[in-house]
């Protein structure tokens, strides 16, 4: 399937230590012209951005594991292997993301901004994050996080669970149609309940 023109919007965010983080939200131009909940959300992110919270919590800062995971077979493993990211240092994520944008027929966006307002979260703090990879299948939406050492991750499942909650809240897509997976070139793990 020819996916067409990739469009990009760069988001920056300051950390509490003053370091500036850059996120390159990319999707395909045709996605923004379709008419469903997901496309409407992606178009809003692209055109307007997301709220600028002074204080927020990142899903990656989740200190306590709150989700169960199981090891699964996934085509993402072969795609990561083909991306040849090892030895690329800080560029590993971008190497894998760019490879998938070009070669994965299910990937429609990368570095998708997600958020929930404090009144929507269980801990009453704003949540803000950027989803590495968004994949769409006929029967599900995959929230995907690339983790270079997936088998050593302790909190990635909990991070993905929060991403899944934020994705559901922003798009209105039923939670049972959303799947969370993290992976590298050797392993893949799925959030379970």
C-alpha atoms as a PDB file:
ATOM      1  CA  UNK A   1       0.000   0.000   0.000  1.00  0.00           C
ATOM      2  CA  UNK A   2       1.355   3.398  -0.960  1.00  0.00           C
ATOM      3  CA  UNK A   3       0.917   5.619   2.067  1.00  0.00           C
ATOM      4  CA  UNK A   4       1.872   8.888   0.421  1.00  0.00           C
ATOM      5  CA  UNK A   5       3.430  12.031   1.789  1.00  0.00           C
ATOM      6  CA  UNK A   6       4.788  12.113   5.333  1.00  0.00           C
ATOM      7  CA  UNK A   7       4.097  15.329   7.205  1.00  0.00           C
ATOM      8  CA  UNK A   8       5.804  16.436  10.418  1.00  0.00           C
ATOM      9  CA  UNK A   9       5.317  18.766  13.375  1.00  0.00           C
ATOM     10  CA  UNK A  10       8.050  19.183  15.981  1.00  0.00           C
ATOM     11  CA  UNK A  11       7.096  19.577  19.635  1.00  0.00           C
ATOM     12  CA  UNK A  12       9.530  20.729  22.302  1.00  0.00           C
ATOM     13  CA  UNK A  13       9.197  20.347  26.037  1.00  0.00           C
ATOM     14  CA  UNK A  14      11.421  21.476  28.906  1.00  0.00           C
ATOM     15  CA  UNK A  15      12.351  18.955  31.567  1.00  0.00           C
ATOM     16  CA  UNK A  16      12.459  19.914  35.246  1.00  0.00           C
ATOM     17  CA  UNK A  17      16.248  20.184  34.870  1.00  0.00           C
ATOM     18  CA  UNK A  18      15.938  22.660  31.976  1.00  0.00           C
ATOM     19  CA  UNK A  19      16.848  20.195  29.221  1.00  0.00           C
ATOM     20  CA  UNK A  20      14.817  20.621  26.029  1.00  0.00           C
ATOM     21  CA  UNK A  21      13.253  17.474  24.568  1.00  0.00           C
ATOM     22  CA  UNK A  22      12.241  17.412  20.897  1.00  0.00           C
ATOM     23  CA  UNK A  23       9.552  15.131  19.502  1.00  0.00           C
ATOM     24  CA  UNK A  24       8.965  14.849  15.758  1.00  0.00           C
ATOM     25  CA  UNK A  25       5.305  13.890  15.344  1.00  0.00           C
ATOM     26  CA  UNK A  26       4.970  12.366  11.887  1.00  0.00           C
ATOM     27  CA  UNK A  27       1.997  10.946  10.052  1.00  0.00           C
ATOM     28  CA  UNK A  28       0.728  10.648   6.501  1.00  0.00           C
ATOM     29  CA  UNK A  29      -1.089  13.525   4.857  1.00  0.00           C
ATOM     30  CA  UNK A  30      -4.028  11.350   3.818  1.00  0.00           C
ATOM     31  CA  UNK A  31      -4.671  10.359   7.462  1.00  0.00           C
ATOM     32  CA  UNK A  32      -5.645  13.928   8.342  1.00  0.00           C
ATOM     33  CA  UNK A  33      -8.293  13.963   5.621  1.00  0.00           C
ATOM     34  CA  UNK A  34     -10.270  10.923   6.758  1.00  0.00           C
ATOM     35  CA  UNK A  35     -13.304  11.236   8.982  1.00  0.00           C
ATOM     36  CA  UNK A  36     -13.069   9.128  12.140  1.00  0.00           C
ATOM     37  CA  UNK A  37     -12.161   9.714  15.800  1.00  0.00           C
ATOM     38  CA  UNK A  38      -8.500   8.798  15.417  1.00  0.00           C
ATOM     39  CA  UNK A  39      -7.948  10.970  12.380  1.00  0.00           C
ATOM     40  CA  UNK A  40      -9.715  13.895  14.029  1.00  0.00           C
ATOM     41  CA  UNK A  41      -7.419  13.607  17.042  1.00  0.00           C
ATOM     42  CA  UNK A  42      -4.267  13.357  14.896  1.00  0.00           C
ATOM     43  CA  UNK A  43      -5.382  16.369  12.836  1.00  0.00           C
ATOM     44  CA  UNK A  44      -5.981  18.384  16.028  1.00  0.00           C
ATOM     45  CA  UNK A  45      -2.525  17.466  17.338  1.00  0.00           C
ATOM     46  CA  UNK A  46      -0.962  18.420  14.045  1.00  0.00           C
ATOM     47  CA  UNK A  47      -2.789  21.715  13.655  1.00  0.00           C
ATOM     48  CA  UNK A  48      -3.120  22.950  17.240  1.00  0.00           C
ATOM     49  CA  UNK A  49      -0.819  20.839  19.383  1.00  0.00           C
ATOM     50  CA  UNK A  50      -1.603  19.774  22.933  1.00  0.00           C
ATOM     51  CA  UNK A  51      -2.136  21.718  26.161  1.00  0.00           C
ATOM     52  CA  UNK A  52       0.998  23.242  27.663  1.00  0.00           C
ATOM     53  CA  UNK A  53       0.872  22.013  31.250  1.00  0.00           C
ATOM     54  CA  UNK A  54       3.272  23.698  33.690  1.00  0.00           C
ATOM     55  CA  UNK A  55       3.372  20.551  35.816  1.00  0.00           C
ATOM     56  CA  UNK A  56       2.723  17.062  34.540  1.00  0.00           C
ATOM     57  CA  UNK A  57       3.717  13.451  34.965  1.00  0.00           C
ATOM     58  CA  UNK A  58       5.133  11.375  32.154  1.00  0.00           C
ATOM     59  CA  UNK A  59       3.916   7.774  31.803  1.00  0.00           C
ATOM     60  CA  UNK A  60       7.571   6.747  31.711  1.00  0.00           C
ATOM     61  CA  UNK A  61       7.912   8.073  35.285  1.00  0.00           C
ATOM     62  CA  UNK A  62       5.445   5.503  36.613  1.00  0.00           C
ATOM     63  CA  UNK A  63       7.432   4.214  39.588  1.00  0.00           C
ATOM     64  CA  UNK A  64       5.325   1.163  40.407  1.00  0.00           C
ATOM     65  CA  UNK A  65       4.607  -1.587  37.884  1.00  0.00           C
ATOM     66  CA  UNK A  66       0.805  -1.627  37.520  1.00  0.00           C
ATOM     67  CA  UNK A  67       0.346  -3.763  34.399  1.00  0.00           C
ATOM     68  CA  UNK A  68       0.909  -7.404  33.582  1.00  0.00           C
ATOM     69  CA  UNK A  69       2.796  -8.357  30.449  1.00  0.00           C
ATOM     70  CA  UNK A  70       3.289 -11.493  28.405  1.00  0.00           C
ATOM     71  CA  UNK A  71       5.902 -12.336  25.805  1.00  0.00           C
ATOM     72  CA  UNK A  72       4.382 -12.563  22.313  1.00  0.00           C
ATOM     73  CA  UNK A  73       5.351 -13.220  18.722  1.00  0.00           C
ATOM     74  CA  UNK A  74       5.241 -10.049  16.626  1.00  0.00           C
ATOM     75  CA  UNK A  75       6.250  -8.880  13.161  1.00  0.00           C
ATOM     76  CA  UNK A  76       7.803  -5.889  14.940  1.00  0.00           C
ATOM     77  CA  UNK A  77      10.798  -8.038  15.941  1.00  0.00           C
ATOM     78  CA  UNK A  78      11.746  -8.711  12.298  1.00  0.00           C
ATOM     79  CA  UNK A  79      11.138  -5.061  11.400  1.00  0.00           C
ATOM     80  CA  UNK A  80      13.449  -3.907  14.222  1.00  0.00           C
ATOM     81  CA  UNK A  81      16.100  -6.394  13.102  1.00  0.00           C
ATOM     82  CA  UNK A  82      15.870  -5.107   9.524  1.00  0.00           C
ATOM     83  CA  UNK A  83      16.116  -1.509  10.781  1.00  0.00           C
ATOM     84  CA  UNK A  84      19.672  -2.267  11.937  1.00  0.00           C
ATOM     85  CA  UNK A  85      19.522   0.173  14.883  1.00  0.00           C
ATOM     86  CA  UNK A  86      22.164  -1.374  17.155  1.00  0.00           C
ATOM     87  CA  UNK A  87      25.219   0.804  17.702  1.00  0.00           C
ATOM     88  CA  UNK A  88      23.339   3.969  16.734  1.00  0.00           C
ATOM     89  CA  UNK A  89      23.324   5.371  20.302  1.00  0.00           C
ATOM     90  CA  UNK A  90      20.702   8.044  20.919  1.00  0.00           C
ATOM     91  CA  UNK A  91      19.455   7.673  17.348  1.00  0.00           C
ATOM     92  CA  UNK A  92      18.140   4.115  17.885  1.00  0.00           C
ATOM     93  CA  UNK A  93      14.502   5.150  18.341  1.00  0.00           C
ATOM     94  CA  UNK A  94      14.497   7.379  15.287  1.00  0.00           C
ATOM     95  CA  UNK A  95      16.198   4.711  13.153  1.00  0.00           C
ATOM     96  CA  UNK A  96      13.512   2.151  14.055  1.00  0.00           C
ATOM     97  CA  UNK A  97      10.642   4.637  13.735  1.00  0.00           C
ATOM     98  CA  UNK A  98      11.785   5.879  10.327  1.00  0.00           C
ATOM     99  CA  UNK A  99      12.286   2.318   9.080  1.00  0.00           C
ATOM    100  CA  UNK A 100       8.766   1.370  10.166  1.00  0.00           C
ATOM    101  CA  UNK A 101       7.260   4.506   8.613  1.00  0.00           C
ATOM    102  CA  UNK A 102       8.731   3.346   5.318  1.00  0.00           C
ATOM    103  CA  UNK A 103       8.266  -0.446   5.547  1.00  0.00           C
ATOM    104  CA  UNK A 104       5.415  -1.269   7.939  1.00  0.00           C
ATOM    105  CA  UNK A 105       2.014  -1.203   6.208  1.00  0.00           C
ATOM    106  CA  UNK A 106       0.241  -0.851   9.583  1.00  0.00           C
ATOM    107  CA  UNK A 107       2.179   2.107  10.974  1.00  0.00           C
ATOM    108  CA  UNK A 108       0.404   5.427  10.515  1.00  0.00           C
ATOM    109  CA  UNK A 109       2.217   7.779  12.914  1.00  0.00           C
ATOM    110  CA  UNK A 110       5.188   8.241  15.234  1.00  0.00           C
ATOM    111  CA  UNK A 111       5.801  10.383  18.318  1.00  0.00           C
ATOM    112  CA  UNK A 112       2.053  10.881  18.683  1.00  0.00           C
ATOM    113  CA  UNK A 113       1.376  13.386  21.479  1.00  0.00           C
ATOM    114  CA  UNK A 114      -0.958  12.072  24.186  1.00  0.00           C
ATOM    115  CA  UNK A 115      -2.302  13.689  27.329  1.00  0.00           C
ATOM    116  CA  UNK A 116      -4.912  13.498  30.049  1.00  0.00           C
ATOM    117  CA  UNK A 117      -6.077  16.311  32.277  1.00  0.00           C
ATOM    118  CA  UNK A 118      -5.551  15.921  36.026  1.00  0.00           C
ATOM    119  CA  UNK A 119      -9.310  15.535  36.583  1.00  0.00           C
ATOM    120  CA  UNK A 120      -9.223  12.481  34.239  1.00  0.00           C
ATOM    121  CA  UNK A 121      -6.362  10.604  35.934  1.00  0.00           C
ATOM    122  CA  UNK A 122      -6.445   8.427  39.040  1.00  0.00           C
ATOM    123  CA  UNK A 123      -3.571  10.338  40.691  1.00  0.00           C
ATOM    124  CA  UNK A 124      -5.031  13.778  39.807  1.00  0.00           C
ATOM    125  CA  UNK A 125      -1.912  14.881  37.904  1.00  0.00           C
ATOM    126  CA  UNK A 126      -1.750  15.868  34.237  1.00  0.00           C
ATOM    127  CA  UNK A 127      -0.256  13.086  32.117  1.00  0.00           C
ATOM    128  CA  UNK A 128       1.741  13.932  28.997  1.00  0.00           C
ATOM    129  CA  UNK A 129       3.636  11.579  26.706  1.00  0.00           C
ATOM    130  CA  UNK A 130       4.602  10.822  23.141  1.00  0.00           C
ATOM    131  CA  UNK A 131       3.763   7.454  21.677  1.00  0.00           C
ATOM    132  CA  UNK A 132       6.662   5.961  19.698  1.00  0.00           C
ATOM    133  CA  UNK A 133       4.584   4.131  17.089  1.00  0.00           C
ATOM    134  CA  UNK A 134       0.882   3.935  16.221  1.00  0.00           C
ATOM    135  CA  UNK A 135      -0.277   0.995  14.109  1.00  0.00           C
ATOM    136  CA  UNK A 136      -3.774   0.353  12.759  1.00  0.00           C
ATOM    137  CA  UNK A 137      -5.268  -3.025  11.851  1.00  0.00           C
ATOM    138  CA  UNK A 138      -8.827  -3.829  10.732  1.00  0.00           C
ATOM    139  CA  UNK A 139      -9.718  -5.097  14.217  1.00  0.00           C
ATOM    140  CA  UNK A 140      -7.411  -3.180  16.574  1.00  0.00           C
ATOM    141  CA  UNK A 141      -5.159  -0.205  17.241  1.00  0.00           C
ATOM    142  CA  UNK A 142      -1.636  -0.923  18.430  1.00  0.00           C
ATOM    143  CA  UNK A 143       0.108   1.441  20.820  1.00  0.00           C
ATOM    144  CA  UNK A 144       3.776   0.517  20.385  1.00  0.00           C
ATOM    145  CA  UNK A 145       6.890   1.450  22.305  1.00  0.00           C
ATOM    146  CA  UNK A 146      10.387   0.594  21.121  1.00  0.00           C
ATOM    147  CA  UNK A 147      12.649  -0.484  23.993  1.00  0.00           C
ATOM    148  CA  UNK A 148      16.228  -1.372  22.938  1.00  0.00           C
ATOM    149  CA  UNK A 149      16.511  -3.866  25.825  1.00  0.00           C
ATOM    150  CA  UNK A 150      12.902  -5.042  25.969  1.00  0.00           C
ATOM    151  CA  UNK A 151      13.645  -8.164  28.021  1.00  0.00           C
ATOM    152  CA  UNK A 152      15.135  -6.045  30.821  1.00  0.00           C
ATOM    153  CA  UNK A 153      12.226  -3.594  31.104  1.00  0.00           C
ATOM    154  CA  UNK A 154      10.422  -3.469  34.445  1.00  0.00           C
ATOM    155  CA  UNK A 155       7.973  -0.578  33.951  1.00  0.00           C
ATOM    156  CA  UNK A 156       7.316  -0.530  30.193  1.00  0.00           C
ATOM    157  CA  UNK A 157       3.996  -2.357  30.598  1.00  0.00           C
ATOM    158  CA  UNK A 158       2.773   0.281  33.044  1.00  0.00           C
ATOM    159  CA  UNK A 159       3.940   3.069  30.730  1.00  0.00           C
ATOM    160  CA  UNK A 160       2.031   1.462  27.852  1.00  0.00           C
ATOM    161  CA  UNK A 161      -1.079   1.013  29.971  1.00  0.00           C
ATOM    162  CA  UNK A 162      -1.076   4.762  30.623  1.00  0.00           C
ATOM    163  CA  UNK A 163      -0.560   5.451  26.916  1.00  0.00           C
ATOM    164  CA  UNK A 164      -3.510   3.169  26.166  1.00  0.00           C
ATOM    165  CA  UNK A 165      -5.689   5.058  28.662  1.00  0.00           C
ATOM    166  CA  UNK A 166      -4.671   8.435  27.211  1.00  0.00           C
ATOM    167  CA  UNK A 167      -5.252   7.196  23.648  1.00  0.00           C
ATOM    168  CA  UNK A 168      -8.717   5.899  24.566  1.00  0.00           C
ATOM    169  CA  UNK A 169      -9.633   9.140  26.335  1.00  0.00           C
ATOM    170  CA  UNK A 170      -8.500  11.400  23.495  1.00  0.00           C
ATOM    171  CA  UNK A 171      -9.919   9.353  20.586  1.00  0.00           C
ATOM    172  CA  UNK A 172     -12.986   7.692  22.123  1.00  0.00           C
ATOM    173  CA  UNK A 173     -11.921   4.357  20.625  1.00  0.00           C
ATOM    174  CA  UNK A 174     -13.163   1.498  22.857  1.00  0.00           C
ATOM    175  CA  UNK A 175     -10.447   0.227  25.191  1.00  0.00           C
ATOM    176  CA  UNK A 176     -10.936  -3.395  24.095  1.00  0.00           C
ATOM    177  CA  UNK A 177      -9.782  -2.419  20.581  1.00  0.00           C
ATOM    178  CA  UNK A 178      -6.485  -0.997  21.866  1.00  0.00           C
ATOM    179  CA  UNK A 179      -3.414  -3.190  22.284  1.00  0.00           C
ATOM    180  CA  UNK A 180      -0.128  -2.187  23.920  1.00  0.00           C
ATOM    181  CA  UNK A 181       3.172  -3.742  22.797  1.00  0.00           C
ATOM    182  CA  UNK A 182       6.837  -2.982  23.433  1.00  0.00           C
ATOM    183  CA  UNK A 183       9.647  -4.595  21.497  1.00  0.00           C
ATOM    184  CA  UNK A 184      13.207  -4.729  20.232  1.00  0.00           C
ATOM    185  CA  UNK A 185      14.909  -6.917  17.608  1.00  0.00           C
ATOM    186  CA  UNK A 186      14.713 -10.030  19.825  1.00  0.00           C
ATOM    187  CA  UNK A 187      11.552  -9.822  21.928  1.00  0.00           C
ATOM    188  CA  UNK A 188       8.047  -8.373  22.079  1.00  0.00           C
ATOM    189  CA  UNK A 189       5.733  -8.053  25.079  1.00  0.00           C
ATOM    190  CA  UNK A 190       2.026  -7.285  25.269  1.00  0.00           C
ATOM    191  CA  UNK A 191       0.116  -5.593  28.090  1.00  0.00           C
ATOM    192  CA  UNK A 192      -2.448  -8.033  29.525  1.00  0.00           C
ATOM    193  CA  UNK A 193      -5.209  -7.784  32.092  1.00  0.00           C
END
